[in-house]
């Protein structure tokens, strides 16, 4: 009886220990998150943009492989005559396309940071804002030999540049598979997404996810700078409508969803035990086969 009680006691202690380990890494009421490392304080109100306290991002900077919409028109210009485009001073709202080859449509920023405008050449736009890129395209067209032949005043050239696909500004949702690797989901950033929006893009937390181990890892632009880890109170966001940790997503953010500790431990144990089970299974199968052959041989000899 003592042995049985002692065994049960050890089993109970092991279960409690596993639950204690699995319960680590939660967001406490004191406003900090404890996981593998020192406690990480939840940023106070106003320190980090959140659901009800968002900020407007700075002017968009073009990078490869963004997809741009470029329109170039000649304002106040009538029909061409010989090698000249007539300027209609009485109707400045008259517009027409560029001669020889119009510039109108979508253009993808190439790896070298330029967009190809066909006959009008390539224009470097990487690292520029939309207004700066429009001015670069305008200067390319105005300074071309072709447009000078048509004697079009530079002030009559109008360029419109906008972004069709924000391919260069992304954030990432990373889910821990509980010992079966990590899945990375990239999404384009449009400027107002929150943690809840990011998780909704993968249709919620995976089945093995720990609701108490979700955080945003904000990238550090320079080596040696301190980490910026923003713990997420997933239960508070979803079940209680608390917006304190529903942070606004910034370009390059990593939203990490860790797996439950018990699932990870179970996977690790399975990887250790499975080869041993297979080895014992093969040994048992071999022993059974040998005994069966011996039994059949003994029966045949008796006859």
Protein backbone atom coordinates (compact mmCIF):
# COMPACT_ATOMS: atom_id res chain seq x y z
CA UNK A 1 0.00 0.00 0.00
CA UNK A 2 2.83 2.39 0.86
CA UNK A 3 4.43 1.78 -2.52
CA UNK A 4 1.14 2.47 -4.28
CA UNK A 5 0.56 5.68 -2.34
CA UNK A 6 4.12 6.79 -2.93
CA UNK A 7 3.78 6.17 -6.66
CA UNK A 8 0.55 8.14 -6.81
CA UNK A 9 2.16 10.95 -4.87
CA UNK A 10 5.05 11.15 -7.35
CA UNK A 11 2.65 11.07 -10.30
CA UNK A 12 0.61 13.89 -8.74
CA UNK A 13 3.73 15.98 -8.15
CA UNK A 14 4.85 15.39 -11.75
CA UNK A 15 1.47 16.53 -13.09
CA UNK A 16 1.49 19.64 -10.89
CA UNK A 17 5.04 20.43 -12.02
CA UNK A 18 4.10 20.09 -15.67
CA UNK A 19 1.08 22.36 -15.17
CA UNK A 20 3.25 24.92 -13.39
CA UNK A 21 5.73 24.89 -16.27
CA UNK A 22 2.93 25.16 -18.84
CA UNK A 23 1.34 28.03 -16.96
CA UNK A 24 4.46 30.21 -17.19
CA UNK A 25 4.64 33.16 -19.53
CA UNK A 26 1.29 34.76 -18.81
CA UNK A 27 0.39 38.44 -18.67
CA UNK A 28 -0.20 39.26 -15.02
CA UNK A 29 -2.52 41.85 -13.56
CA UNK A 30 0.53 43.87 -12.51
CA UNK A 31 1.14 44.70 -16.17
CA UNK A 32 4.13 42.61 -17.12
CA UNK A 33 4.77 39.43 -19.03
CA UNK A 34 7.01 36.64 -17.74
CA UNK A 35 8.46 34.06 -20.12
CA UNK A 36 11.93 32.70 -20.78
CA UNK A 37 13.77 35.68 -19.37
CA UNK A 38 13.23 38.70 -17.13
CA UNK A 39 9.72 40.20 -16.81
CA UNK A 40 8.79 42.50 -19.71
CA UNK A 41 6.69 45.49 -18.75
CA UNK A 42 3.61 46.38 -20.79
CA UNK A 43 4.22 49.87 -22.25
CA UNK A 44 2.20 52.58 -20.48
CA UNK A 45 -0.60 54.43 -22.32
CA UNK A 46 0.74 56.83 -24.93
CA UNK A 47 4.11 55.09 -25.30
CA UNK A 48 3.05 52.75 -28.13
CA UNK A 49 0.19 53.33 -30.63
CA UNK A 50 -2.79 51.10 -29.91
CA UNK A 51 -6.28 50.38 -31.21
CA UNK A 52 -7.84 53.59 -29.81
CA UNK A 53 -4.65 55.64 -30.00
CA UNK A 54 -3.30 55.11 -33.51
CA UNK A 55 -0.83 57.32 -35.34
CA UNK A 56 -0.51 58.31 -38.98
CA UNK A 57 2.54 56.75 -40.57
CA UNK A 58 5.09 59.01 -42.31
CA UNK A 59 4.98 59.53 -46.10
CA UNK A 60 5.31 56.26 -47.95
CA UNK A 61 8.81 55.49 -49.24
CA UNK A 62 8.95 53.48 -52.45
CA UNK A 63 11.03 50.30 -52.50
CA UNK A 64 11.23 47.20 -54.71
CA UNK A 65 8.98 45.38 -55.52
CA UNK A 66 6.20 47.98 -55.07
CA UNK A 67 3.66 48.29 -57.85
CA UNK A 68 3.02 51.90 -58.90
CA UNK A 69 0.36 53.63 -60.95
CA UNK A 70 1.92 56.30 -63.17
CA UNK A 71 -0.05 58.75 -65.33
CA UNK A 72 1.58 61.46 -67.45
CA UNK A 73 -0.67 63.93 -69.28
CA UNK A 74 -0.22 67.19 -71.14
CA UNK A 75 -2.53 69.85 -69.73
CA UNK A 76 -3.97 72.60 -71.93
CA UNK A 77 -2.56 71.04 -75.10
CA UNK A 78 -4.62 70.46 -78.23
CA UNK A 79 -4.04 68.30 -81.29
CA UNK A 80 -0.51 68.05 -82.73
CA UNK A 81 0.36 69.90 -85.89
CA UNK A 82 3.61 69.08 -87.69
CA UNK A 83 6.21 68.82 -84.90
CA UNK A 84 4.39 71.07 -82.52
CA UNK A 85 1.61 70.62 -79.95
CA UNK A 86 -0.74 73.60 -79.84
CA UNK A 87 -1.27 75.14 -76.40
CA UNK A 88 -4.91 76.10 -75.90
CA UNK A 89 -4.75 79.11 -73.58
CA UNK A 90 -8.52 79.52 -73.65
CA UNK A 91 -9.14 75.99 -72.36
CA UNK A 92 -6.44 74.98 -69.83
CA UNK A 93 -8.46 71.90 -68.86
CA UNK A 94 -7.80 70.22 -72.21
CA UNK A 95 -5.58 67.18 -71.75
CA UNK A 96 -3.95 64.66 -74.02
CA UNK A 97 -1.49 61.80 -73.76
CA UNK A 98 2.20 62.03 -74.50
CA UNK A 99 3.20 61.78 -78.17
CA UNK A 100 4.89 58.65 -79.54
CA UNK A 101 4.19 56.56 -76.44
CA UNK A 102 1.75 57.33 -73.64
CA UNK A 103 2.67 56.74 -69.99
CA UNK A 104 -0.40 55.35 -68.30
CA UNK A 105 -0.73 52.21 -66.21
CA UNK A 106 0.98 50.08 -63.60
CA UNK A 107 4.75 49.82 -63.29
CA UNK A 108 6.62 47.56 -60.90
CA UNK A 109 9.72 48.84 -59.16
CA UNK A 110 12.59 46.69 -60.37
CA UNK A 111 15.41 45.26 -58.26
CA UNK A 112 17.66 48.19 -59.20
CA UNK A 113 15.05 50.62 -57.84
CA UNK A 114 13.86 51.93 -61.21
CA UNK A 115 10.66 51.77 -63.23
CA UNK A 116 10.79 51.28 -66.99
CA UNK A 117 8.78 53.81 -69.01
CA UNK A 118 9.49 52.26 -72.40
CA UNK A 119 10.43 54.89 -74.95
CA UNK A 120 10.98 57.47 -72.21
CA UNK A 121 13.64 55.42 -70.42
CA UNK A 122 14.06 54.27 -66.82
CA UNK A 123 13.49 56.43 -63.77
CA UNK A 124 15.02 55.72 -60.32
CA UNK A 125 12.29 55.90 -57.68
CA UNK A 126 13.50 53.69 -54.80
CA UNK A 127 13.88 55.61 -51.56
CA UNK A 128 11.59 58.42 -52.74
CA UNK A 129 8.16 59.50 -51.59
CA UNK A 130 5.29 59.57 -54.08
CA UNK A 131 5.64 63.32 -54.66
CA UNK A 132 9.38 62.98 -55.20
CA UNK A 133 8.88 60.07 -57.60
CA UNK A 134 6.31 62.11 -59.57
CA UNK A 135 8.82 64.93 -59.90
CA UNK A 136 11.52 62.51 -61.08
CA UNK A 137 9.22 61.15 -63.80
CA UNK A 138 8.25 64.68 -64.79
CA UNK A 139 11.88 65.75 -65.15
CA UNK A 140 12.61 62.64 -67.23
CA UNK A 141 9.82 63.51 -69.67
CA UNK A 142 10.40 67.28 -69.76
CA UNK A 143 14.13 66.93 -70.39
CA UNK A 144 13.69 64.41 -73.18
CA UNK A 145 14.71 65.46 -76.68
CA UNK A 146 11.39 64.27 -78.07
CA UNK A 147 9.24 66.57 -75.94
CA UNK A 148 11.49 69.54 -76.68
CA UNK A 149 10.88 68.98 -80.40
CA UNK A 150 7.15 69.29 -79.81
CA UNK A 151 7.75 72.58 -77.91
CA UNK A 152 5.58 71.69 -74.92
CA UNK A 153 6.00 74.07 -71.96
CA UNK A 154 7.33 72.20 -68.89
CA UNK A 155 4.53 73.54 -66.71
CA UNK A 156 1.99 71.75 -68.93
CA UNK A 157 3.36 68.30 -68.06
CA UNK A 158 1.38 66.74 -65.21
CA UNK A 159 2.49 63.51 -63.50
CA UNK A 160 0.46 61.41 -61.07
CA UNK A 161 2.12 58.60 -59.07
CA UNK A 162 0.29 56.36 -56.61
CA UNK A 163 0.80 52.94 -55.04
CA UNK A 164 -1.26 50.03 -56.35
CA UNK A 165 0.34 47.24 -54.29
CA UNK A 166 2.31 47.83 -51.08
CA UNK A 167 4.72 44.96 -51.66
CA UNK A 168 7.75 46.30 -49.78
CA UNK A 169 6.15 47.15 -46.42
CA UNK A 170 5.23 43.92 -44.62
CA UNK A 171 4.68 42.43 -41.21
CA UNK A 172 4.86 38.78 -40.19
CA UNK A 173 2.74 36.42 -38.12
CA UNK A 174 4.85 33.51 -36.81
CA UNK A 175 3.18 30.52 -35.16
CA UNK A 176 5.01 27.93 -33.10
CA UNK A 177 4.08 24.36 -34.04
CA UNK A 178 4.83 22.92 -30.61
CA UNK A 179 7.93 21.05 -31.74
CA UNK A 180 6.90 20.70 -35.39
CA UNK A 181 8.60 23.83 -36.66
CA UNK A 182 7.35 27.38 -37.09
CA UNK A 183 5.07 28.79 -39.77
CA UNK A 184 5.70 32.32 -41.13
CA UNK A 185 2.88 34.30 -42.77
CA UNK A 186 3.86 37.62 -44.46
CA UNK A 187 1.21 40.30 -45.03
CA UNK A 188 1.37 43.73 -46.69
CA UNK A 189 0.94 46.69 -44.36
CA UNK A 190 -1.66 49.33 -45.16
CA UNK A 191 -1.12 51.55 -42.12
CA UNK A 192 -3.85 50.90 -39.56
CA UNK A 193 -3.65 47.17 -38.74
CA UNK A 194 -3.62 46.00 -35.14
CA UNK A 195 -2.64 42.70 -33.51
CA UNK A 196 -6.23 41.50 -33.81
CA UNK A 197 -6.22 42.26 -37.54
CA UNK A 198 -2.94 40.39 -37.96
CA UNK A 199 -4.16 37.25 -36.18
CA UNK A 200 -7.46 37.36 -38.10
CA UNK A 201 -5.44 37.03 -41.34
CA UNK A 202 -4.52 33.47 -40.28
CA UNK A 203 -8.12 32.84 -39.09
CA UNK A 204 -7.27 32.92 -35.38
CA UNK A 205 -4.83 31.13 -33.13
CA UNK A 206 -3.80 27.56 -34.03
CA UNK A 207 -5.08 24.69 -31.91
CA UNK A 208 -1.71 24.26 -30.16
CA UNK A 209 -1.24 27.97 -29.44
CA UNK A 210 -0.90 29.35 -25.93
CA UNK A 211 -3.26 32.28 -25.41
CA UNK A 212 -0.92 33.59 -22.72
CA UNK A 213 2.21 33.59 -24.86
CA UNK A 214 1.62 36.05 -27.71
CA UNK A 215 3.81 39.09 -28.27
CA UNK A 216 4.96 41.60 -30.88
CA UNK A 217 8.69 41.74 -31.59
CA UNK A 218 9.45 45.15 -33.06
CA UNK A 219 12.59 45.17 -35.17
CA UNK A 220 15.70 46.93 -33.89
CA UNK A 221 17.19 49.15 -36.60
CA UNK A 222 20.69 49.27 -35.11
CA UNK A 223 22.83 46.55 -33.46
CA UNK A 224 23.14 46.86 -29.72
CA UNK A 225 19.83 48.65 -29.23
CA UNK A 226 17.50 47.10 -26.62
CA UNK A 227 14.80 44.75 -27.76
CA UNK A 228 11.28 46.06 -28.03
CA UNK A 229 8.99 43.20 -27.02
CA UNK A 230 5.30 44.09 -26.65
CA UNK A 231 3.37 41.41 -24.73
CA UNK A 232 -0.19 40.76 -25.90
CA UNK A 233 -3.06 39.99 -23.55
CA UNK A 234 -5.00 37.87 -26.04
CA UNK A 235 -7.76 36.93 -23.58
CA UNK A 236 -8.21 40.60 -22.65
CA UNK A 237 -8.40 41.69 -26.30
CA UNK A 238 -10.84 39.01 -27.44
CA UNK A 239 -12.97 38.22 -24.39
CA UNK A 240 -13.03 41.54 -22.52
CA UNK A 241 -12.49 44.15 -25.25
CA UNK A 242 -9.38 45.56 -23.56
CA UNK A 243 -7.40 47.59 -26.10
CA UNK A 244 -4.27 48.16 -23.99
CA UNK A 245 -2.21 45.50 -25.80
CA UNK A 246 -3.95 45.60 -29.17
CA UNK A 247 -0.99 47.46 -30.64
CA UNK A 248 -0.89 49.16 -34.02
CA UNK A 249 1.35 47.15 -36.35
CA UNK A 250 4.43 48.84 -37.81
CA UNK A 251 6.47 47.81 -40.88
CA UNK A 252 8.63 44.78 -40.12
CA UNK A 253 6.79 43.75 -36.93
CA UNK A 254 6.82 40.06 -35.95
CA UNK A 255 3.71 38.81 -34.15
CA UNK A 256 4.84 35.62 -32.45
CA UNK A 257 2.37 32.99 -31.20
CA UNK A 258 4.04 30.42 -28.96
CA UNK A 259 2.71 26.89 -28.55
CA UNK A 260 1.47 25.47 -25.26
CA UNK A 261 4.31 24.15 -23.12
CA UNK A 262 2.62 20.78 -22.56
CA UNK A 263 2.26 20.29 -26.33
CA UNK A 264 5.95 21.03 -26.83
CA UNK A 265 6.91 18.64 -23.99
CA UNK A 266 4.62 15.95 -25.40
CA UNK A 267 6.22 16.31 -28.84
CA UNK A 268 9.72 16.09 -27.37
CA UNK A 269 8.79 12.96 -25.37
CA UNK A 270 7.23 11.40 -28.44
CA UNK A 271 10.43 11.92 -30.42
CA UNK A 272 12.37 10.14 -27.68
CA UNK A 273 9.91 7.34 -27.02
CA UNK A 274 8.85 6.55 -30.61
CA UNK A 275 12.26 5.16 -31.73
CA UNK A 276 12.40 3.03 -28.56
CA UNK A 277 8.87 1.72 -29.21
CA UNK A 278 9.80 0.89 -32.79
CA UNK A 279 12.95 -0.92 -31.59
CA UNK A 280 11.01 -2.94 -29.02
CA UNK A 281 8.30 -3.63 -31.60
CA UNK A 282 10.83 -4.98 -34.07
CA UNK A 283 12.49 -7.06 -31.32
CA UNK A 284 9.14 -8.42 -30.17
CA UNK A 285 8.13 -9.21 -33.74
CA UNK A 286 11.42 -11.01 -34.32
CA UNK A 287 11.07 -13.03 -31.10
CA UNK A 288 7.49 -13.96 -31.94
CA UNK A 289 8.53 -15.06 -35.43
CA UNK A 290 11.40 -17.18 -34.09
CA UNK A 291 9.18 -18.82 -31.46
CA UNK A 292 6.53 -19.50 -34.09
CA UNK A 293 9.08 -21.18 -36.37
CA UNK A 294 10.42 -23.21 -33.47
CA UNK A 295 6.91 -24.28 -32.53
CA UNK A 296 6.13 -25.40 -36.07
CA UNK A 297 9.45 -27.26 -36.27
CA UNK A 298 8.82 -29.01 -32.97
CA UNK A 299 5.32 -30.04 -34.02
CA UNK A 300 6.60 -31.40 -37.34
CA UNK A 301 9.34 -33.38 -35.59
CA UNK A 302 6.83 -34.94 -33.21
CA UNK A 303 4.81 -36.25 -36.13
